[in-house]
PDB file of N, CA and C in Angstrom:
ATOM      1  N   MET A   1      43.334 -48.712  10.348  1.00  0.00           N
ATOM      2  CA  MET A   1      43.974 -47.548   9.785  1.00  0.00           C
ATOM      3  C   MET A   1      42.897 -46.641   9.194  1.00  0.00           C
ATOM      4  N   ALA A   2      43.032 -45.347   9.377  1.00  0.00           N
ATOM      5  CA  ALA A   2      42.050 -44.389   8.867  1.00  0.00           C
ATOM      6  C   ALA A   2      42.122 -44.293   7.350  1.00  0.00           C
ATOM      7  N   GLN A   3      40.968 -44.077   6.738  1.00  0.00           N
ATOM      8  CA  GLN A   3      40.931 -43.910   5.292  1.00  0.00           C
ATOM      9  C   GLN A   3      41.531 -42.567   4.917  1.00  0.00           C
ATOM     10  N   ALA A   4      42.139 -42.517   3.720  1.00  0.00           N
ATOM     11  CA  ALA A   4      42.662 -41.257   3.225  1.00  0.00           C
ATOM     12  C   ALA A   4      41.501 -40.315   2.956  1.00  0.00           C
ATOM     13  N   LYS A   5      41.683 -39.042   3.280  1.00  0.00           N
ATOM     14  CA  LYS A   5      40.627 -38.061   3.070  1.00  0.00           C
ATOM     15  C   LYS A   5      40.485 -37.765   1.585  1.00  0.00           C
ATOM     16  N   ARG A   6      39.249 -37.803   1.088  1.00  0.00           N
ATOM     17  CA  ARG A   6      38.970 -37.504  -0.313  1.00  0.00           C
ATOM     18  C   ARG A   6      38.939 -36.008  -0.524  1.00  0.00           C
ATOM     19  N   SER A   7      39.297 -35.611  -1.728  1.00  0.00           N
ATOM     20  CA  SER A   7      39.197 -34.222  -2.099  1.00  0.00           C
ATOM     21  C   SER A   7      37.734 -33.799  -2.069  1.00  0.00           C
ATOM     22  N   ALA A   8      37.478 -32.572  -1.653  1.00  0.00           N
ATOM     23  CA  ALA A   8      36.110 -32.083  -1.579  1.00  0.00           C
ATOM     24  C   ALA A   8      35.532 -31.802  -2.964  1.00  0.00           C
ATOM     25  N   LEU A   9      36.387 -31.593  -3.954  1.00  0.00           N
ATOM     26  CA  LEU A   9      35.917 -31.278  -5.295  1.00  0.00           C
ATOM     27  C   LEU A   9      36.011 -32.493  -6.197  1.00  0.00           C
ATOM     28  N   VAL A  10      34.960 -32.723  -6.950  1.00  0.00           N
ATOM     29  CA  VAL A  10      34.915 -33.832  -7.904  1.00  0.00           C
ATOM     30  C   VAL A  10      34.968 -33.215  -9.291  1.00  0.00           C
ATOM     31  N   PRO A  11      35.852 -33.696 -10.161  1.00  0.00           N
ATOM     32  CA  PRO A  11      35.911 -33.134 -11.517  1.00  0.00           C
ATOM     33  C   PRO A  11      34.550 -33.209 -12.203  1.00  0.00           C
ATOM     34  N   ALA A  12      34.205 -32.143 -12.924  1.00  0.00           N
ATOM     35  CA  ALA A  12      32.899 -32.055 -13.585  1.00  0.00           C
ATOM     36  C   ALA A  12      32.672 -33.215 -14.537  1.00  0.00           C
ATOM     37  N   HIS A  13      33.726 -33.680 -15.224  1.00  0.00           N
ATOM     38  CA  HIS A  13      33.538 -34.785 -16.173  1.00  0.00           C
ATOM     39  C   HIS A  13      33.152 -36.073 -15.464  1.00  0.00           C
ATOM     40  N   ASP A  14      33.560 -36.250 -14.203  1.00  0.00           N
ATOM     41  CA  ASP A  14      33.143 -37.435 -13.444  1.00  0.00           C
ATOM     42  C   ASP A  14      31.645 -37.408 -13.163  1.00  0.00           C
ATOM     43  N   ILE A  15      31.120 -36.219 -12.948  1.00  0.00           N
ATOM     44  CA  ILE A  15      29.687 -36.093 -12.676  1.00  0.00           C
ATOM     45  C   ILE A  15      28.894 -36.206 -13.968  1.00  0.00           C
ATOM     46  N   THR A  16      29.313 -35.483 -15.007  1.00  0.00           N
ATOM     47  CA  THR A  16      28.536 -35.483 -16.247  1.00  0.00           C
ATOM     48  C   THR A  16      28.524 -36.851 -16.916  1.00  0.00           C
ATOM     49  N   ARG A  17      29.594 -37.627 -16.795  1.00  0.00           N
ATOM     50  CA  ARG A  17      29.596 -38.960 -17.407  1.00  0.00           C
ATOM     51  C   ARG A  17      28.648 -39.912 -16.685  1.00  0.00           C
ATOM     52  N   ALA A  18      28.313 -39.595 -15.439  1.00  0.00           N
ATOM     53  CA  ALA A  18      27.443 -40.461 -14.645  1.00  0.00           C
ATOM     54  C   ALA A  18      25.960 -40.136 -14.822  1.00  0.00           C
ATOM     55  N   ILE A  19      25.639 -39.008 -15.438  1.00  0.00           N
ATOM     56  CA  ILE A  19      24.243 -38.610 -15.599  1.00  0.00           C
ATOM     57  C   ILE A  19      23.607 -39.397 -16.734  1.00  0.00           C
ATOM     58  N   LEU A  20      22.461 -39.989 -16.445  1.00  0.00           N
ATOM     59  CA  LEU A  20      21.682 -40.739 -17.433  1.00  0.00           C
ATOM     60  C   LEU A  20      20.340 -40.052 -17.622  1.00  0.00           C
ATOM     61  N   VAL A  21      19.694 -40.313 -18.733  1.00  0.00           N
ATOM     62  CA  VAL A  21      18.335 -39.821 -18.946  1.00  0.00           C
ATOM     63  C   VAL A  21      17.404 -41.022 -18.897  1.00  0.00           C
ATOM     64  N   LEU A  22      16.536 -41.027 -17.901  1.00  0.00           N
ATOM     65  CA  LEU A  22      15.540 -42.084 -17.713  1.00  0.00           C
ATOM     66  C   LEU A  22      14.185 -41.429 -17.521  1.00  0.00           C
ATOM     67  N   ARG A  23      13.199 -41.930 -18.231  1.00  0.00           N
ATOM     68  CA  ARG A  23      11.842 -41.378 -18.143  1.00  0.00           C
ATOM     69  C   ARG A  23      11.832 -39.875 -18.409  1.00  0.00           C
ATOM     70  N   GLY A  24      12.748 -39.425 -19.247  1.00  0.00           N
ATOM     71  CA  GLY A  24      12.810 -38.010 -19.600  1.00  0.00           C
ATOM     72  C   GLY A  24      13.438 -37.129 -18.538  1.00  0.00           C
ATOM     73  N   GLN A  25      14.022 -37.721 -17.508  1.00  0.00           N
ATOM     74  CA  GLN A  25      14.651 -36.979 -16.413  1.00  0.00           C
ATOM     75  C   GLN A  25      16.138 -37.299 -16.362  1.00  0.00           C
ATOM     76  N   ARG A  26      16.952 -36.294 -16.058  1.00  0.00           N
ATOM     77  CA  ARG A  26      18.374 -36.546 -15.832  1.00  0.00           C
ATOM     78  C   ARG A  26      18.536 -37.107 -14.422  1.00  0.00           C
ATOM     79  N   VAL A  27      19.214 -38.241 -14.312  1.00  0.00           N
ATOM     80  CA  VAL A  27      19.344 -38.908 -13.018  1.00  0.00           C
ATOM     81  C   VAL A  27      20.769 -39.403 -12.800  1.00  0.00           C
ATOM     82  N   LEU A  28      21.087 -39.622 -11.548  1.00  0.00           N
ATOM     83  CA  LEU A  28      22.301 -40.319 -11.139  1.00  0.00           C
ATOM     84  C   LEU A  28      21.854 -41.578 -10.424  1.00  0.00           C
ATOM     85  N   LEU A  29      22.406 -42.706 -10.808  1.00  0.00           N
ATOM     86  CA  LEU A  29      22.099 -43.951 -10.112  1.00  0.00           C
ATOM     87  C   LEU A  29      22.730 -43.928  -8.729  1.00  0.00           C
ATOM     88  N   ASP A  30      22.144 -44.682  -7.814  1.00  0.00           N
ATOM     89  CA  ASP A  30      22.667 -44.717  -6.456  1.00  0.00           C
ATOM     90  C   ASP A  30      24.129 -45.131  -6.417  1.00  0.00           C
ATOM     91  N   VAL A  31      24.531 -46.046  -7.277  1.00  0.00           N
ATOM     92  CA  VAL A  31      25.915 -46.506  -7.286  1.00  0.00           C
ATOM     93  C   VAL A  31      26.860 -45.370  -7.689  1.00  0.00           C
ATOM     94  N   GLU A  32      26.449 -44.538  -8.622  1.00  0.00           N
ATOM     95  CA  GLU A  32      27.270 -43.402  -9.049  1.00  0.00           C
ATOM     96  C   GLU A  32      27.318 -42.324  -7.969  1.00  0.00           C
ATOM     97  N   LEU A  33      26.178 -42.033  -7.364  1.00  0.00           N
ATOM     98  CA  LEU A  33      26.119 -41.027  -6.319  1.00  0.00           C
ATOM     99  C   LEU A  33      26.954 -41.447  -5.105  1.00  0.00           C
ATOM    100  N   ALA A  34      26.859 -42.720  -4.748  1.00  0.00           N
ATOM    101  CA  ALA A  34      27.664 -43.229  -3.632  1.00  0.00           C
ATOM    102  C   ALA A  34      29.147 -43.095  -3.943  1.00  0.00           C
ATOM    103  N   SER A  35      29.523 -43.396  -5.175  1.00  0.00           N
ATOM    104  CA  SER A  35      30.925 -43.275  -5.580  1.00  0.00           C
ATOM    105  C   SER A  35      31.412 -41.831  -5.456  1.00  0.00           C
ATOM    106  N   LEU A  36      30.580 -40.889  -5.880  1.00  0.00           N
ATOM    107  CA  LEU A  36      30.955 -39.475  -5.781  1.00  0.00           C
ATOM    108  C   LEU A  36      31.153 -39.040  -4.329  1.00  0.00           C
ATOM    109  N   TYR A  37      30.361 -39.610  -3.426  1.00  0.00           N
ATOM    110  CA  TYR A  37      30.479 -39.275  -2.009  1.00  0.00           C
ATOM    111  C   TYR A  37      31.508 -40.144  -1.279  1.00  0.00           C
ATOM    112  N   GLY A  38      32.026 -41.150  -1.955  1.00  0.00           N
ATOM    113  CA  GLY A  38      33.039 -41.996  -1.341  1.00  0.00           C
ATOM    114  C   GLY A  38      32.495 -42.953  -0.301  1.00  0.00           C
ATOM    115  N   VAL A  39      31.249 -43.395  -0.490  1.00  0.00           N
ATOM    116  CA  VAL A  39      30.635 -44.356   0.421  1.00  0.00           C
ATOM    117  C   VAL A  39      30.114 -45.527  -0.388  1.00  0.00           C
ATOM    118  N   THR A  40      29.716 -46.589   0.291  1.00  0.00           N
ATOM    119  CA  THR A  40      29.131 -47.728  -0.416  1.00  0.00           C
ATOM    120  C   THR A  40      27.690 -47.413  -0.786  1.00  0.00           C
ATOM    121  N   THR A  41      27.195 -48.089  -1.796  1.00  0.00           N
ATOM    122  CA  THR A  41      25.812 -47.912  -2.213  1.00  0.00           C
ATOM    123  C   THR A  41      24.867 -48.296  -1.071  1.00  0.00           C
ATOM    124  N   LYS A  42      25.203 -49.361  -0.376  1.00  0.00           N
ATOM    125  CA  LYS A  42      24.383 -49.803   0.759  1.00  0.00           C
ATOM    126  C   LYS A  42      24.266 -48.694   1.799  1.00  0.00           C
ATOM    127  N   ARG A  43      25.386 -48.056   2.118  1.00  0.00           N
ATOM    128  CA  ARG A  43      25.393 -46.993   3.131  1.00  0.00           C
ATOM    129  C   ARG A  43      24.584 -45.778   2.663  1.00  0.00           C
ATOM    130  N   LEU A  44      24.737 -45.398   1.385  1.00  0.00           N
ATOM    131  CA  LEU A  44      23.975 -44.273   0.844  1.00  0.00           C
ATOM    132  C   LEU A  44      22.475 -44.541   0.953  1.00  0.00           C
ATOM    133  N   ASN A  45      22.044 -45.706   0.490  1.00  0.00           N
ATOM    134  CA  ASN A  45      20.619 -46.047   0.534  1.00  0.00           C
ATOM    135  C   ASN A  45      20.098 -46.134   1.958  1.00  0.00           C
ATOM    136  N   GLU A  46      20.923 -46.634   2.853  1.00  0.00           N
ATOM    137  CA  GLU A  46      20.546 -46.706   4.271  1.00  0.00           C
ATOM    138  C   GLU A  46      20.277 -45.304   4.821  1.00  0.00           C
ATOM    139  N   GLN A  47      21.163 -44.367   4.515  1.00  0.00           N
ATOM    140  CA  GLN A  47      21.010 -43.005   5.021  1.00  0.00           C
ATOM    141  C   GLN A  47      19.814 -42.291   4.394  1.00  0.00           C
ATOM    142  N   VAL A  48      19.556 -42.561   3.120  1.00  0.00           N
ATOM    143  CA  VAL A  48      18.378 -41.977   2.476  1.00  0.00           C
ATOM    144  C   VAL A  48      17.117 -42.494   3.166  1.00  0.00           C
ATOM    145  N   ARG A  49      17.035 -43.820   3.392  1.00  0.00           N
ATOM    146  CA  ARG A  49      15.865 -44.399   4.061  1.00  0.00           C
ATOM    147  C   ARG A  49      15.663 -43.799   5.462  1.00  0.00           C
ATOM    148  N   ARG A  50      16.761 -43.566   6.171  1.00  0.00           N
ATOM    149  CA  ARG A  50      16.666 -43.028   7.529  1.00  0.00           C
ATOM    150  C   ARG A  50      16.298 -41.546   7.558  1.00  0.00           C
ATOM    151  N   ASN A  51      16.461 -40.874   6.442  1.00  0.00           N
ATOM    152  CA  ASN A  51      16.243 -39.426   6.393  1.00  0.00           C
ATOM    153  C   ASN A  51      15.280 -39.024   5.285  1.00  0.00           C
ATOM    154  N   LEU A  52      14.263 -39.832   5.024  1.00  0.00           N
ATOM    155  CA  LEU A  52      13.322 -39.572   3.939  1.00  0.00           C
ATOM    156  C   LEU A  52      12.690 -38.188   4.013  1.00  0.00           C
ATOM    157  N   ASP A  53      12.461 -37.685   5.215  1.00  0.00           N
ATOM    158  CA  ASP A  53      11.809 -36.381   5.363  1.00  0.00           C
ATOM    159  C   ASP A  53      12.694 -35.227   4.871  1.00  0.00           C
ATOM    160  N   ARG A  54      13.954 -35.466   4.650  1.00  0.00           N
ATOM    161  CA  ARG A  54      14.865 -34.417   4.171  1.00  0.00           C
ATOM    162  C   ARG A  54      14.919 -34.305   2.648  1.00  0.00           C
ATOM    163  N   PHE A  55      14.287 -35.244   1.952  1.00  0.00           N
ATOM    164  CA  PHE A  55      14.353 -35.278   0.496  1.00  0.00           C
ATOM    165  C   PHE A  55      13.011 -34.917  -0.113  1.00  0.00           C
ATOM    166  N   PRO A  56      13.032 -34.180  -1.231  1.00  0.00           N
ATOM    167  CA  PRO A  56      11.760 -33.889  -1.911  1.00  0.00           C
ATOM    168  C   PRO A  56      11.159 -35.171  -2.482  1.00  0.00           C
ATOM    169  N   ALA A  57       9.866 -35.148  -2.706  1.00  0.00           N
ATOM    170  CA  ALA A  57       9.151 -36.337  -3.180  1.00  0.00           C
ATOM    171  C   ALA A  57       9.711 -36.871  -4.497  1.00  0.00           C
ATOM    172  N   ASP A  58      10.214 -35.989  -5.347  1.00  0.00           N
ATOM    173  CA  ASP A  58      10.723 -36.432  -6.652  1.00  0.00           C
ATOM    174  C   ASP A  58      12.225 -36.697  -6.652  1.00  0.00           C
ATOM    175  N   PHE A  59      12.818 -36.854  -5.470  1.00  0.00           N
ATOM    176  CA  PHE A  59      14.265 -37.083  -5.375  1.00  0.00           C
ATOM    177  C   PHE A  59      14.677 -38.440  -5.935  1.00  0.00           C
ATOM    178  N   MET A  60      13.833 -39.443  -5.787  1.00  0.00           N
ATOM    179  CA  MET A  60      14.225 -40.791  -6.212  1.00  0.00           C
ATOM    180  C   MET A  60      13.022 -41.561  -6.730  1.00  0.00           C
ATOM    181  N   PHE A  61      13.341 -42.598  -7.493  1.00  0.00           N
ATOM    182  CA  PHE A  61      12.328 -43.533  -7.941  1.00  0.00           C
ATOM    183  C   PHE A  61      12.990 -44.873  -8.169  1.00  0.00           C
ATOM    184  N   GLN A  62      12.174 -45.912  -8.178  1.00  0.00           N
ATOM    185  CA  GLN A  62      12.656 -47.282  -8.364  1.00  0.00           C
ATOM    186  C   GLN A  62      12.558 -47.651  -9.838  1.00  0.00           C
ATOM    187  N   LEU A  63      13.611 -48.227 -10.385  1.00  0.00           N
ATOM    188  CA  LEU A  63      13.572 -48.694 -11.765  1.00  0.00           C
ATOM    189  C   LEU A  63      12.650 -49.889 -11.889  1.00  0.00           C
ATOM    190  N   THR A  64      11.982 -49.995 -13.025  1.00  0.00           N
ATOM    191  CA  THR A  64      11.203 -51.210 -13.287  1.00  0.00           C
ATOM    192  C   THR A  64      12.197 -52.306 -13.659  1.00  0.00           C
ATOM    193  N   ALA A  65      11.757 -53.536 -13.662  1.00  0.00           N
ATOM    194  CA  ALA A  65      12.627 -54.656 -14.030  1.00  0.00           C
ATOM    195  C   ALA A  65      13.144 -54.477 -15.461  1.00  0.00           C
ATOM    196  N   ALA A  66      12.276 -54.025 -16.362  1.00  0.00           N
ATOM    197  CA  ALA A  66      12.683 -53.823 -17.758  1.00  0.00           C
ATOM    198  C   ALA A  66      13.733 -52.719 -17.875  1.00  0.00           C
ATOM    199  N   GLU A  67      13.559 -51.626 -17.115  1.00  0.00           N
ATOM    200  CA  GLU A  67      14.545 -50.534 -17.136  1.00  0.00           C
ATOM    201  C   GLU A  67      15.885 -51.006 -16.594  1.00  0.00           C
ATOM    202  N   ALA A  68      15.865 -51.769 -15.521  1.00  0.00           N
ATOM    203  CA  ALA A  68      17.108 -52.262 -14.925  1.00  0.00           C
ATOM    204  C   ALA A  68      17.838 -53.187 -15.887  1.00  0.00           C
ATOM    205  N   THR A  69      17.108 -54.058 -16.551  1.00  0.00           N
ATOM    206  CA  THR A  69      17.712 -54.971 -17.520  1.00  0.00           C
ATOM    207  C   THR A  69      18.315 -54.199 -18.683  1.00  0.00           C
ATOM    208  N   ALA A  70      17.573 -53.244 -19.223  1.00  0.00           N
ATOM    209  CA  ALA A  70      18.070 -52.440 -20.340  1.00  0.00           C
ATOM    210  C   ALA A  70      19.292 -51.639 -19.929  1.00  0.00           C
ATOM    211  N   LEU A  71      19.287 -51.114 -18.723  1.00  0.00           N
ATOM    212  CA  LEU A  71      20.415 -50.326 -18.233  1.00  0.00           C
ATOM    213  C   LEU A  71      21.648 -51.198 -18.047  1.00  0.00           C
ATOM    214  N   ARG A  72      21.464 -52.391 -17.478  1.00  0.00           N
ATOM    215  CA  ARG A  72      22.600 -53.309 -17.314  1.00  0.00           C
ATOM    216  C   ARG A  72      23.197 -53.650 -18.671  1.00  0.00           C
ATOM    217  N   SER A  73      22.348 -53.880 -19.647  1.00  0.00           N
ATOM    218  CA  SER A  73      22.802 -54.201 -20.990  1.00  0.00           C
ATOM    219  C   SER A  73      23.571 -53.033 -21.592  1.00  0.00           C
ATOM    220  N   GLN A  74      23.063 -51.805 -21.415  1.00  0.00           N
ATOM    221  CA  GLN A  74      23.724 -50.609 -21.922  1.00  0.00           C
ATOM    222  C   GLN A  74      25.086 -50.411 -21.286  1.00  0.00           C
ATOM    223  N   ILE A  75      25.144 -50.565 -19.979  1.00  0.00           N
ATOM    224  CA  ILE A  75      26.394 -50.355 -19.251  1.00  0.00           C
ATOM    225  C   ILE A  75      27.422 -51.406 -19.643  1.00  0.00           C
ATOM    226  N   ALA A  76      26.992 -52.650 -19.785  1.00  0.00           N
ATOM    227  CA  ALA A  76      27.915 -53.730 -20.142  1.00  0.00           C
ATOM    228  C   ALA A  76      28.546 -53.490 -21.509  1.00  0.00           C
ATOM    229  N   THR A  77      27.779 -52.965 -22.462  1.00  0.00           N
ATOM    230  CA  THR A  77      28.328 -52.748 -23.798  1.00  0.00           C
ATOM    231  C   THR A  77      29.128 -51.461 -23.897  1.00  0.00           C
ATOM    232  N   SER A  78      28.989 -50.565 -22.910  1.00  0.00           N
ATOM    233  CA  SER A  78      29.731 -49.310 -22.975  1.00  0.00           C
ATOM    234  C   SER A  78      30.982 -49.314 -22.103  1.00  0.00           C
ATOM    235  N   LYS A  79      31.265 -50.409 -21.418  1.00  0.00           N
ATOM    236  CA  LYS A  79      32.456 -50.485 -20.574  1.00  0.00           C
ATOM    237  C   LYS A  79      33.716 -50.402 -21.407  1.00  0.00           C
ATOM    238  N   ARG A  80      34.665 -49.633 -20.907  1.00  0.00           N
ATOM    239  CA  ARG A  80      35.958 -49.518 -21.565  1.00  0.00           C
ATOM    240  C   ARG A  80      36.915 -50.553 -20.974  1.00  0.00           C
ATOM    241  N   TRP A  81      37.829 -51.013 -21.778  1.00  0.00           N
ATOM    242  CA  TRP A  81      38.856 -51.899 -21.254  1.00  0.00           C
ATOM    243  C   TRP A  81      40.194 -51.362 -21.654  1.00  0.00           C
ATOM    244  N   PRO A  82      41.115 -51.171 -20.754  1.00  0.00           N
ATOM    245  CA  PRO A  82      40.950 -51.395 -19.308  1.00  0.00           C
ATOM    246  C   PRO A  82      40.095 -50.292 -18.700  1.00  0.00           C
ATOM    247  N   PRO A  83      39.427 -50.603 -17.589  1.00  0.00           N
ATOM    248  CA  PRO A  83      38.563 -49.604 -16.955  1.00  0.00           C
ATOM    249  C   PRO A  83      39.367 -48.404 -16.471  1.00  0.00           C
ATOM    250  N   ARG A  84      38.746 -47.222 -16.514  1.00  0.00           N
ATOM    251  CA  ARG A  84      39.407 -46.015 -16.006  1.00  0.00           C
ATOM    252  C   ARG A  84      39.332 -46.011 -14.498  1.00  0.00           C
ATOM    253  N   ARG A  85      40.290 -45.445 -13.878  1.00  0.00           N
ATOM    254  CA  ARG A  85      40.310 -45.301 -12.408  1.00  0.00           C
ATOM    255  C   ARG A  85      40.271 -43.859 -12.030  1.00  0.00           C
TER     256      ARG A  85
END
């Protein structure tokens, strides 16, 4: 069965709540960006890897292990219950 078509417009609050500041830069994590586009994180990263020449050099960076751990800790403590949909 075909997937339902997503609306082309994403509410601004969905985008602004996903923006984080890391290393002094405003960023969207791949999981958030994939969600906004309605694809899996794996698929988003796959397409980025296949099309690296289309992205500026400063488009992405890899988190250090310490940053990833701190971010996971931050996200876990900021989760709302029940989660919003």
